[in-house]
């Protein structure tokens, strides 16, 4: 899903997932520097309703690019996922 809240250099709407990753990472920088929310100094994101391995891999790549863009050490941004596609296959009543 995209949103007209932010447009790219070509005037196209930016996907909400990219905006969420960047803004949440920017908000986490303060905590990473002053009071990390984990023993290892990581920031955790909850990513509900993922739909398979490809979407998880894409989100992982996005977080890596956000780390690079914001000059955050690699593998500091972490995510907890819920794979809806797998969950539905394992329990068809869901």
PDB file of N, CA and C in Angstrom:
ATOM      1  N   UNK A   1       0.831  -1.173   0.000  1.00  0.00           N
ATOM      2  CA  UNK A   1       0.000   0.000   0.000  1.00  0.00           C
ATOM      3  C   UNK A   1       0.886   1.249   0.000  1.00  0.00           C
ATOM      4  N   UNK A   2       0.437   2.233  -0.717  1.00  0.00           N
ATOM      5  CA  UNK A   2       1.160   3.502  -0.769  1.00  0.00           C
ATOM      6  C   UNK A   2       0.326   4.579  -0.085  1.00  0.00           C
ATOM      7  N   UNK A   3       0.944   5.722   0.116  1.00  0.00           N
ATOM      8  CA  UNK A   3       0.237   6.839   0.738  1.00  0.00           C
ATOM      9  C   UNK A   3       0.658   8.148   0.070  1.00  0.00           C
ATOM     10  N   UNK A   4      -0.279   9.072  -0.103  1.00  0.00           N
ATOM     11  CA  UNK A   4       0.071  10.374  -0.660  1.00  0.00           C
ATOM     12  C   UNK A   4       0.773  11.278   0.365  1.00  0.00           C
ATOM     13  N   UNK A   5       0.984  10.787   1.572  1.00  0.00           N
ATOM     14  CA  UNK A   5       1.646  11.586   2.613  1.00  0.00           C
ATOM     15  C   UNK A   5       3.085  11.923   2.240  1.00  0.00           C
ATOM     16  N   UNK A   6       3.701  11.087   1.410  1.00  0.00           N
ATOM     17  CA  UNK A   6       5.088  11.310   1.004  1.00  0.00           C
ATOM     18  C   UNK A   6       5.235  10.876  -0.448  1.00  0.00           C
ATOM     19  N   UNK A   7       5.828  11.736  -1.250  1.00  0.00           N
ATOM     20  CA  UNK A   7       6.035  11.444  -2.665  1.00  0.00           C
ATOM     21  C   UNK A   7       7.525  11.324  -2.949  1.00  0.00           C
ATOM     22  N   UNK A   8       7.886  10.444  -3.899  1.00  0.00           N
ATOM     23  CA  UNK A   8       9.294  10.322  -4.278  1.00  0.00           C
ATOM     24  C   UNK A   8       9.660  11.434  -5.268  1.00  0.00           C
ATOM     25  N   UNK A   9      10.886  11.401  -5.764  1.00  0.00           N
ATOM     26  CA  UNK A   9      11.363  12.471  -6.649  1.00  0.00           C
ATOM     27  C   UNK A   9      10.608  12.525  -7.975  1.00  0.00           C
ATOM     28  N   UNK A  10       9.889  11.450  -8.327  1.00  0.00           N
ATOM     29  CA  UNK A  10       9.086  11.439  -9.551  1.00  0.00           C
ATOM     30  C   UNK A  10       7.625  11.773  -9.291  1.00  0.00           C
ATOM     31  N   UNK A  11       7.298  12.128  -8.038  1.00  0.00           N
ATOM     32  CA  UNK A  11       5.920  12.457  -7.688  1.00  0.00           C
ATOM     33  C   UNK A  11       5.048  11.251  -7.397  1.00  0.00           C
ATOM     34  N   UNK A  12       5.656  10.063  -7.284  1.00  0.00           N
ATOM     35  CA  UNK A  12       4.905   8.838  -7.003  1.00  0.00           C
ATOM     36  C   UNK A  12       4.764   8.637  -5.494  1.00  0.00           C
ATOM     37  N   UNK A  13       3.626   8.089  -5.091  1.00  0.00           N
ATOM     38  CA  UNK A  13       3.408   7.798  -3.682  1.00  0.00           C
ATOM     39  C   UNK A  13       4.415   6.758  -3.190  1.00  0.00           C
ATOM     40  N   UNK A  14       4.854   6.922  -1.941  1.00  0.00           N
ATOM     41  CA  UNK A  14       5.838   6.020  -1.339  1.00  0.00           C
ATOM     42  C   UNK A  14       5.100   4.922  -0.566  1.00  0.00           C
ATOM     43  N   UNK A  15       5.566   3.677  -0.632  1.00  0.00           N
ATOM     44  CA  UNK A  15       4.936   2.607   0.137  1.00  0.00           C
ATOM     45  C   UNK A  15       4.989   2.870   1.645  1.00  0.00           C
ATOM     46  N   UNK A  16       3.886   2.569   2.320  1.00  0.00           N
ATOM     47  CA  UNK A  16       3.792   2.806   3.759  1.00  0.00           C
ATOM     48  C   UNK A  16       4.861   2.043   4.543  1.00  0.00           C
ATOM     49  N   UNK A  17       5.217   0.852   4.096  1.00  0.00           N
ATOM     50  CA  UNK A  17       6.223   0.059   4.802  1.00  0.00           C
ATOM     51  C   UNK A  17       7.581   0.743   4.842  1.00  0.00           C
ATOM     52  N   UNK A  18       7.920   1.445   3.778  1.00  0.00           N
ATOM     53  CA  UNK A  18       9.194   2.174   3.746  1.00  0.00           C
ATOM     54  C   UNK A  18       9.136   3.361   4.710  1.00  0.00           C
ATOM     55  N   UNK A  19       8.026   4.084   4.686  1.00  0.00           N
ATOM     56  CA  UNK A  19       7.873   5.217   5.600  1.00  0.00           C
ATOM     57  C   UNK A  19       7.940   4.730   7.047  1.00  0.00           C
ATOM     58  N   UNK A  20       7.250   3.642   7.359  1.00  0.00           N
ATOM     59  CA  UNK A  20       7.263   3.089   8.720  1.00  0.00           C
ATOM     60  C   UNK A  20       8.677   2.707   9.148  1.00  0.00           C
ATOM     61  N   UNK A  21       9.406   2.032   8.272  1.00  0.00           N
ATOM     62  CA  UNK A  21      10.759   1.588   8.617  1.00  0.00           C
ATOM     63  C   UNK A  21      11.677   2.771   8.909  1.00  0.00           C
ATOM     64  N   UNK A  22      11.599   3.798   8.090  1.00  0.00           N
ATOM     65  CA  UNK A  22      12.476   4.958   8.270  1.00  0.00           C
ATOM     66  C   UNK A  22      12.075   5.760   9.504  1.00  0.00           C
ATOM     67  N   UNK A  23      10.793   6.080   9.650  1.00  0.00           N
ATOM     68  CA  UNK A  23      10.382   6.911  10.783  1.00  0.00           C
ATOM     69  C   UNK A  23      10.571   6.189  12.115  1.00  0.00           C
ATOM     70  N   UNK A  24      10.258   4.906  12.175  1.00  0.00           N
ATOM     71  CA  UNK A  24      10.464   4.162  13.421  1.00  0.00           C
ATOM     72  C   UNK A  24      11.946   4.028  13.746  1.00  0.00           C
ATOM     73  N   UNK A  25      12.777   3.886  12.738  1.00  0.00           N
ATOM     74  CA  UNK A  25      14.225   3.803  12.964  1.00  0.00           C
ATOM     75  C   UNK A  25      14.768   5.140  13.449  1.00  0.00           C
ATOM     76  N   UNK A  26      14.279   6.234  12.869  1.00  0.00           N
ATOM     77  CA  UNK A  26      14.687   7.559  13.331  1.00  0.00           C
ATOM     78  C   UNK A  26      14.303   7.759  14.797  1.00  0.00           C
ATOM     79  N   UNK A  27      13.099   7.316  15.156  1.00  0.00           N
ATOM     80  CA  UNK A  27      12.665   7.433  16.550  1.00  0.00           C
ATOM     81  C   UNK A  27      13.509   6.562  17.470  1.00  0.00           C
ATOM     82  N   UNK A  28      13.972   5.426  16.963  1.00  0.00           N
ATOM     83  CA  UNK A  28      14.754   4.499  17.783  1.00  0.00           C
ATOM     84  C   UNK A  28      16.188   4.968  18.004  1.00  0.00           C
ATOM     85  N   UNK A  29      16.689   5.860  17.148  1.00  0.00           N
ATOM     86  CA  UNK A  29      18.086   6.292  17.272  1.00  0.00           C
ATOM     87  C   UNK A  29      18.365   6.867  18.652  1.00  0.00           C
ATOM     88  N   UNK A  30      17.455   7.666  19.177  1.00  0.00           N
ATOM     89  CA  UNK A  30      17.658   8.244  20.510  1.00  0.00           C
ATOM     90  C   UNK A  30      17.847   7.144  21.551  1.00  0.00           C
ATOM     91  N   UNK A  31      16.969   6.147  21.508  1.00  0.00           N
ATOM     92  CA  UNK A  31      17.080   5.050  22.471  1.00  0.00           C
ATOM     93  C   UNK A  31      18.347   4.237  22.244  1.00  0.00           C
ATOM     94  N   UNK A  32      18.720   4.041  20.985  1.00  0.00           N
ATOM     95  CA  UNK A  32      19.932   3.275  20.700  1.00  0.00           C
ATOM     96  C   UNK A  32      21.154   3.959  21.306  1.00  0.00           C
ATOM     97  N   UNK A  33      21.159   5.281  21.288  1.00  0.00           N
ATOM     98  CA  UNK A  33      22.304   6.022  21.811  1.00  0.00           C
ATOM     99  C   UNK A  33      22.270   6.183  23.323  1.00  0.00           C
ATOM    100  N   UNK A  34      21.072   6.293  23.915  1.00  0.00           N
ATOM    101  CA  UNK A  34      20.972   6.648  25.321  1.00  0.00           C
ATOM    102  C   UNK A  34      20.439   5.549  26.236  1.00  0.00           C
ATOM    103  N   UNK A  35      19.563   4.724  25.731  1.00  0.00           N
ATOM    104  CA  UNK A  35      18.997   3.657  26.561  1.00  0.00           C
ATOM    105  C   UNK A  35      18.458   2.536  25.671  1.00  0.00           C
ATOM    106  N   UNK A  36      19.334   1.684  25.199  1.00  0.00           N
ATOM    107  CA  UNK A  36      18.912   0.616  24.287  1.00  0.00           C
ATOM    108  C   UNK A  36      17.825  -0.272  24.910  1.00  0.00           C
ATOM    109  N   UNK A  37      16.924  -0.759  24.055  1.00  0.00           N
ATOM    110  CA  UNK A  37      15.841  -1.589  24.569  1.00  0.00           C
ATOM    111  C   UNK A  37      16.201  -3.074  24.584  1.00  0.00           C
ATOM    112  N   UNK A  38      17.472  -3.365  24.502  1.00  0.00           N
ATOM    113  CA  UNK A  38      17.931  -4.739  24.633  1.00  0.00           C
ATOM    114  C   UNK A  38      19.356  -4.732  25.176  1.00  0.00           C
ATOM    115  N   UNK A  39      19.788  -5.860  25.683  1.00  0.00           N
ATOM    116  CA  UNK A  39      21.155  -5.963  26.199  1.00  0.00           C
ATOM    117  C   UNK A  39      22.191  -5.730  25.111  1.00  0.00           C
ATOM    118  N   UNK A  40      21.837  -6.035  23.870  1.00  0.00           N
ATOM    119  CA  UNK A  40      22.775  -5.901  22.766  1.00  0.00           C
ATOM    120  C   UNK A  40      22.628  -4.579  22.024  1.00  0.00           C
ATOM    121  N   UNK A  41      21.769  -3.700  22.515  1.00  0.00           N
ATOM    122  CA  UNK A  41      21.619  -2.400  21.881  1.00  0.00           C
ATOM    123  C   UNK A  41      20.907  -2.439  20.546  1.00  0.00           C
ATOM    124  N   UNK A  42      19.890  -3.256  20.434  1.00  0.00           N
ATOM    125  CA  UNK A  42      19.136  -3.372  19.188  1.00  0.00           C
ATOM    126  C   UNK A  42      17.791  -2.673  19.303  1.00  0.00           C
ATOM    127  N   UNK A  43      17.187  -2.408  18.177  1.00  0.00           N
ATOM    128  CA  UNK A  43      15.822  -1.894  18.118  1.00  0.00           C
ATOM    129  C   UNK A  43      14.964  -2.975  17.461  1.00  0.00           C
ATOM    130  N   UNK A  44      13.848  -3.281  18.070  1.00  0.00           N
ATOM    131  CA  UNK A  44      12.985  -4.353  17.588  1.00  0.00           C
ATOM    132  C   UNK A  44      11.701  -3.799  16.992  1.00  0.00           C
ATOM    133  N   UNK A  45      11.296  -4.373  15.878  1.00  0.00           N
ATOM    134  CA  UNK A  45      10.063  -4.022  15.196  1.00  0.00           C
ATOM    135  C   UNK A  45       9.194  -5.265  15.119  1.00  0.00           C
ATOM    136  N   UNK A  46       7.900  -5.092  15.318  1.00  0.00           N
ATOM    137  CA  UNK A  46       6.954  -6.188  15.156  1.00  0.00           C
ATOM    138  C   UNK A  46       6.321  -6.037  13.782  1.00  0.00           C
ATOM    139  N   UNK A  47       6.406  -7.077  12.987  1.00  0.00           N
ATOM    140  CA  UNK A  47       5.869  -7.054  11.628  1.00  0.00           C
ATOM    141  C   UNK A  47       4.772  -8.116  11.509  1.00  0.00           C
ATOM    142  N   UNK A  48       3.530  -7.756  11.848  1.00  0.00           N
ATOM    143  CA  UNK A  48       2.438  -8.726  11.742  1.00  0.00           C
ATOM    144  C   UNK A  48       1.980  -8.901  10.295  1.00  0.00           C
ATOM    145  N   UNK A  49       1.302  -9.980  10.072  1.00  0.00           N
ATOM    146  CA  UNK A  49       0.652 -10.248   8.791  1.00  0.00           C
ATOM    147  C   UNK A  49       1.582 -10.252   7.600  1.00  0.00           C
ATOM    148  N   UNK A  50       2.763 -10.844   7.774  1.00  0.00           N
ATOM    149  CA  UNK A  50       3.657 -11.049   6.643  1.00  0.00           C
ATOM    150  C   UNK A  50       3.079 -12.213   5.828  1.00  0.00           C
ATOM    151  N   UNK A  51       3.404 -12.263   4.565  1.00  0.00           N
ATOM    152  CA  UNK A  51       2.831 -13.289   3.689  1.00  0.00           C
ATOM    153  C   UNK A  51       3.910 -14.057   2.953  1.00  0.00           C
ATOM    154  N   UNK A  52       4.669 -14.835   3.693  1.00  0.00           N
ATOM    155  CA  UNK A  52       5.642 -15.726   3.085  1.00  0.00           C
ATOM    156  C   UNK A  52       7.074 -15.227   3.156  1.00  0.00           C
ATOM    157  N   UNK A  53       7.956 -16.115   2.729  1.00  0.00           N
ATOM    158  CA  UNK A  53       9.390 -15.881   2.825  1.00  0.00           C
ATOM    159  C   UNK A  53       9.851 -14.675   2.015  1.00  0.00           C
ATOM    160  N   UNK A  54       9.266 -14.469   0.851  1.00  0.00           N
ATOM    161  CA  UNK A  54       9.686 -13.354  -0.006  1.00  0.00           C
ATOM    162  C   UNK A  54       9.430 -12.005   0.662  1.00  0.00           C
ATOM    163  N   UNK A  55       8.282 -11.868   1.311  1.00  0.00           N
ATOM    164  CA  UNK A  55       7.964 -10.609   1.984  1.00  0.00           C
ATOM    165  C   UNK A  55       8.883 -10.387   3.188  1.00  0.00           C
ATOM    166  N   UNK A  56       9.192 -11.456   3.912  1.00  0.00           N
ATOM    167  CA  UNK A  56      10.117 -11.349   5.047  1.00  0.00           C
ATOM    168  C   UNK A  56      11.507 -10.951   4.544  1.00  0.00           C
ATOM    169  N   UNK A  57      11.962 -11.566   3.466  1.00  0.00           N
ATOM    170  CA  UNK A  57      13.279 -11.239   2.903  1.00  0.00           C
ATOM    171  C   UNK A  57      13.321  -9.784   2.426  1.00  0.00           C
ATOM    172  N   UNK A  58      12.252  -9.315   1.811  1.00  0.00           N
ATOM    173  CA  UNK A  58      12.189  -7.931   1.353  1.00  0.00           C
ATOM    174  C   UNK A  58      12.263  -6.968   2.542  1.00  0.00           C
ATOM    175  N   UNK A  59      11.556  -7.272   3.618  1.00  0.00           N
ATOM    176  CA  UNK A  59      11.583  -6.420   4.810  1.00  0.00           C
ATOM    177  C   UNK A  59      12.965  -6.438   5.447  1.00  0.00           C
ATOM    178  N   UNK A  60      13.602  -7.578   5.468  1.00  0.00           N
ATOM    179  CA  UNK A  60      14.957  -7.685   5.994  1.00  0.00           C
ATOM    180  C   UNK A  60      15.913  -6.805   5.180  1.00  0.00           C
ATOM    181  N   UNK A  61      15.785  -6.861   3.865  1.00  0.00           N
ATOM    182  CA  UNK A  61      16.619  -6.024   2.989  1.00  0.00           C
ATOM    183  C   UNK A  61      16.324  -4.541   3.234  1.00  0.00           C
ATOM    184  N   UNK A  62      15.059  -4.195   3.409  1.00  0.00           N
ATOM    185  CA  UNK A  62      14.677  -2.806   3.678  1.00  0.00           C
ATOM    186  C   UNK A  62      15.325  -2.311   4.972  1.00  0.00           C
ATOM    187  N   UNK A  63      15.265  -3.116   6.041  1.00  0.00           N
ATOM    188  CA  UNK A  63      15.870  -2.693   7.304  1.00  0.00           C
ATOM    189  C   UNK A  63      17.379  -2.519   7.155  1.00  0.00           C
ATOM    190  N   UNK A  64      18.020  -3.360   6.368  1.00  0.00           N
ATOM    191  CA  UNK A  64      19.452  -3.208   6.104  1.00  0.00           C
ATOM    192  C   UNK A  64      19.756  -1.903   5.389  1.00  0.00           C
ATOM    193  N   UNK A  65      18.914  -1.545   4.443  1.00  0.00           N
ATOM    194  CA  UNK A  65      19.124  -0.288   3.717  1.00  0.00           C
ATOM    195  C   UNK A  65      18.856   0.928   4.603  1.00  0.00           C
ATOM    196  N   UNK A  66      17.876   0.799   5.500  1.00  0.00           N
ATOM    197  CA  UNK A  66      17.607   1.893   6.445  1.00  0.00           C
ATOM    198  C   UNK A  66      18.795   2.064   7.386  1.00  0.00           C
ATOM    199  N   UNK A  67      19.362   0.963   7.855  1.00  0.00           N
ATOM    200  CA  UNK A  67      20.562   1.048   8.704  1.00  0.00           C
ATOM    201  C   UNK A  67      21.677   1.800   7.977  1.00  0.00           C
ATOM    202  N   UNK A  68      21.906   1.466   6.731  1.00  0.00           N
ATOM    203  CA  UNK A  68      22.953   2.126   5.953  1.00  0.00           C
ATOM    204  C   UNK A  68      22.637   3.613   5.756  1.00  0.00           C
ATOM    205  N   UNK A  69      21.405   3.922   5.426  1.00  0.00           N
ATOM    206  CA  UNK A  69      21.000   5.306   5.178  1.00  0.00           C
ATOM    207  C   UNK A  69      21.153   6.170   6.427  1.00  0.00           C
ATOM    208  N   UNK A  70      20.825   5.610   7.599  1.00  0.00           N
ATOM    209  CA  UNK A  70      20.877   6.370   8.843  1.00  0.00           C
ATOM    210  C   UNK A  70      22.190   6.176   9.599  1.00  0.00           C
ATOM    211  N   UNK A  71      23.145   5.490   8.979  1.00  0.00           N
ATOM    212  CA  UNK A  71      24.455   5.225   9.590  1.00  0.00           C
ATOM    213  C   UNK A  71      24.320   4.505  10.928  1.00  0.00           C
ATOM    214  N   UNK A  72      23.418   3.528  10.955  1.00  0.00           N
ATOM    215  CA  UNK A  72      23.246   2.654  12.126  1.00  0.00           C
ATOM    216  C   UNK A  72      24.059   1.401  11.844  1.00  0.00           C
ATOM    217  N   UNK A  73      24.725   0.866  12.845  1.00  0.00           N
ATOM    218  CA  UNK A  73      25.508  -0.362  12.649  1.00  0.00           C
ATOM    219  C   UNK A  73      24.630  -1.464  12.062  1.00  0.00           C
ATOM    220  N   UNK A  74      25.243  -2.314  11.253  1.00  0.00           N
ATOM    221  CA  UNK A  74      24.517  -3.411  10.609  1.00  0.00           C
ATOM    222  C   UNK A  74      23.923  -4.361  11.643  1.00  0.00           C
ATOM    223  N   UNK A  75      22.736  -4.857  11.341  1.00  0.00           N
ATOM    224  CA  UNK A  75      22.030  -5.856  12.137  1.00  0.00           C
ATOM    225  C   UNK A  75      21.603  -5.361  13.511  1.00  0.00           C
ATOM    226  N   UNK A  76      21.430  -4.062  13.662  1.00  0.00           N
ATOM    227  CA  UNK A  76      20.904  -3.488  14.903  1.00  0.00           C
ATOM    228  C   UNK A  76      19.376  -3.483  14.861  1.00  0.00           C
ATOM    229  N   UNK A  77      18.800  -3.227  13.687  1.00  0.00           N
ATOM    230  CA  UNK A  77      17.348  -3.249  13.536  1.00  0.00           C
ATOM    231  C   UNK A  77      16.916  -4.698  13.348  1.00  0.00           C
ATOM    232  N   UNK A  78      16.034  -5.139  14.215  1.00  0.00           N
ATOM    233  CA  UNK A  78      15.577  -6.532  14.178  1.00  0.00           C
ATOM    234  C   UNK A  78      14.050  -6.559  14.121  1.00  0.00           C
ATOM    235  N   UNK A  79      13.499  -7.666  13.637  1.00  0.00           N
ATOM    236  CA  UNK A  79      12.045  -7.760  13.533  1.00  0.00           C
ATOM    237  C   UNK A  79      11.536  -9.089  14.053  1.00  0.00           C
ATOM    238  N   UNK A  80      10.349  -9.021  14.642  1.00  0.00           N
ATOM    239  CA  UNK A  80       9.586 -10.211  14.996  1.00  0.00           C
ATOM    240  C   UNK A  80       8.491 -10.308  13.953  1.00  0.00           C
ATOM    241  N   UNK A  81       8.302 -11.480  13.404  1.00  0.00           N
ATOM    242  CA  UNK A  81       7.340 -11.625  12.310  1.00  0.00           C
ATOM    243  C   UNK A  81       6.245 -12.620  12.658  1.00  0.00           C
ATOM    244  N   UNK A  82       5.116 -12.462  11.985  1.00  0.00           N
ATOM    245  CA  UNK A  82       4.053 -13.444  12.013  1.00  0.00           C
ATOM    246  C   UNK A  82       3.728 -13.726  10.552  1.00  0.00           C
ATOM    247  N   UNK A  83       4.010 -14.917  10.110  1.00  0.00           N
ATOM    248  CA  UNK A  83       3.806 -15.296   8.716  1.00  0.00           C
ATOM    249  C   UNK A  83       2.369 -15.786   8.547  1.00  0.00           C
ATOM    250  N   UNK A  84       1.510 -14.918   8.036  1.00  0.00           N
ATOM    251  CA  UNK A  84       0.094 -15.247   7.854  1.00  0.00           C
ATOM    252  C   UNK A  84      -0.108 -16.415   6.895  1.00  0.00           C
ATOM    253  N   UNK A  85       0.655 -16.465   5.809  1.00  0.00           N
ATOM    254  CA  UNK A  85       0.480 -17.527   4.821  1.00  0.00           C
ATOM    255  C   UNK A  85       0.770 -18.885   5.453  1.00  0.00           C
ATOM    256  N   UNK A  86       1.850 -18.989   6.185  1.00  0.00           N
ATOM    257  CA  UNK A  86       2.212 -20.260   6.829  1.00  0.00           C
ATOM    258  C   UNK A  86       1.216 -20.604   7.924  1.00  0.00           C
ATOM    259  N   UNK A  87       0.801 -19.611   8.694  1.00  0.00           N
ATOM    260  CA  UNK A  87      -0.148 -19.838   9.782  1.00  0.00           C
ATOM    261  C   UNK A  87      -1.459 -20.388   9.233  1.00  0.00           C
ATOM    262  N   UNK A  88      -1.932 -19.847   8.125  1.00  0.00           N
ATOM    263  CA  UNK A  88      -3.182 -20.300   7.528  1.00  0.00           C
ATOM    264  C   UNK A  88      -3.051 -21.724   6.985  1.00  0.00           C
ATOM    265  N   UNK A  89      -1.911 -22.039   6.364  1.00  0.00           N
ATOM    266  CA  UNK A  89      -1.713 -23.390   5.843  1.00  0.00           C
ATOM    267  C   UNK A  89      -1.685 -24.414   6.969  1.00  0.00           C
ATOM    268  N   UNK A  90      -1.079 -24.043   8.116  1.00  0.00           N
ATOM    269  CA  UNK A  90      -0.975 -24.971   9.238  1.00  0.00           C
ATOM    270  C   UNK A  90      -2.275 -25.138   9.980  1.00  0.00           C
ATOM    271  N   UNK A  91      -3.110 -24.107   9.972  1.00  0.00           N
ATOM    272  CA  UNK A  91      -4.385 -24.135  10.680  1.00  0.00           C
ATOM    273  C   UNK A  91      -5.447 -23.503   9.788  1.00  0.00           C
ATOM    274  N   UNK A  92      -6.055 -24.290   8.905  1.00  0.00           N
ATOM    275  CA  UNK A  92      -6.995 -23.741   7.912  1.00  0.00           C
ATOM    276  C   UNK A  92      -8.196 -23.028   8.521  1.00  0.00           C
ATOM    277  N   UNK A  93      -8.494 -23.243   9.803  1.00  0.00           N
ATOM    278  CA  UNK A  93      -9.642 -22.598  10.441  1.00  0.00           C
ATOM    279  C   UNK A  93      -9.367 -21.156  10.813  1.00  0.00           C
ATOM    280  N   UNK A  94      -8.100 -20.708  10.708  1.00  0.00           N
ATOM    281  CA  UNK A  94      -7.751 -19.327  11.080  1.00  0.00           C
ATOM    282  C   UNK A  94      -8.305 -18.372  10.056  1.00  0.00           C
TER     283      UNK A  94
END
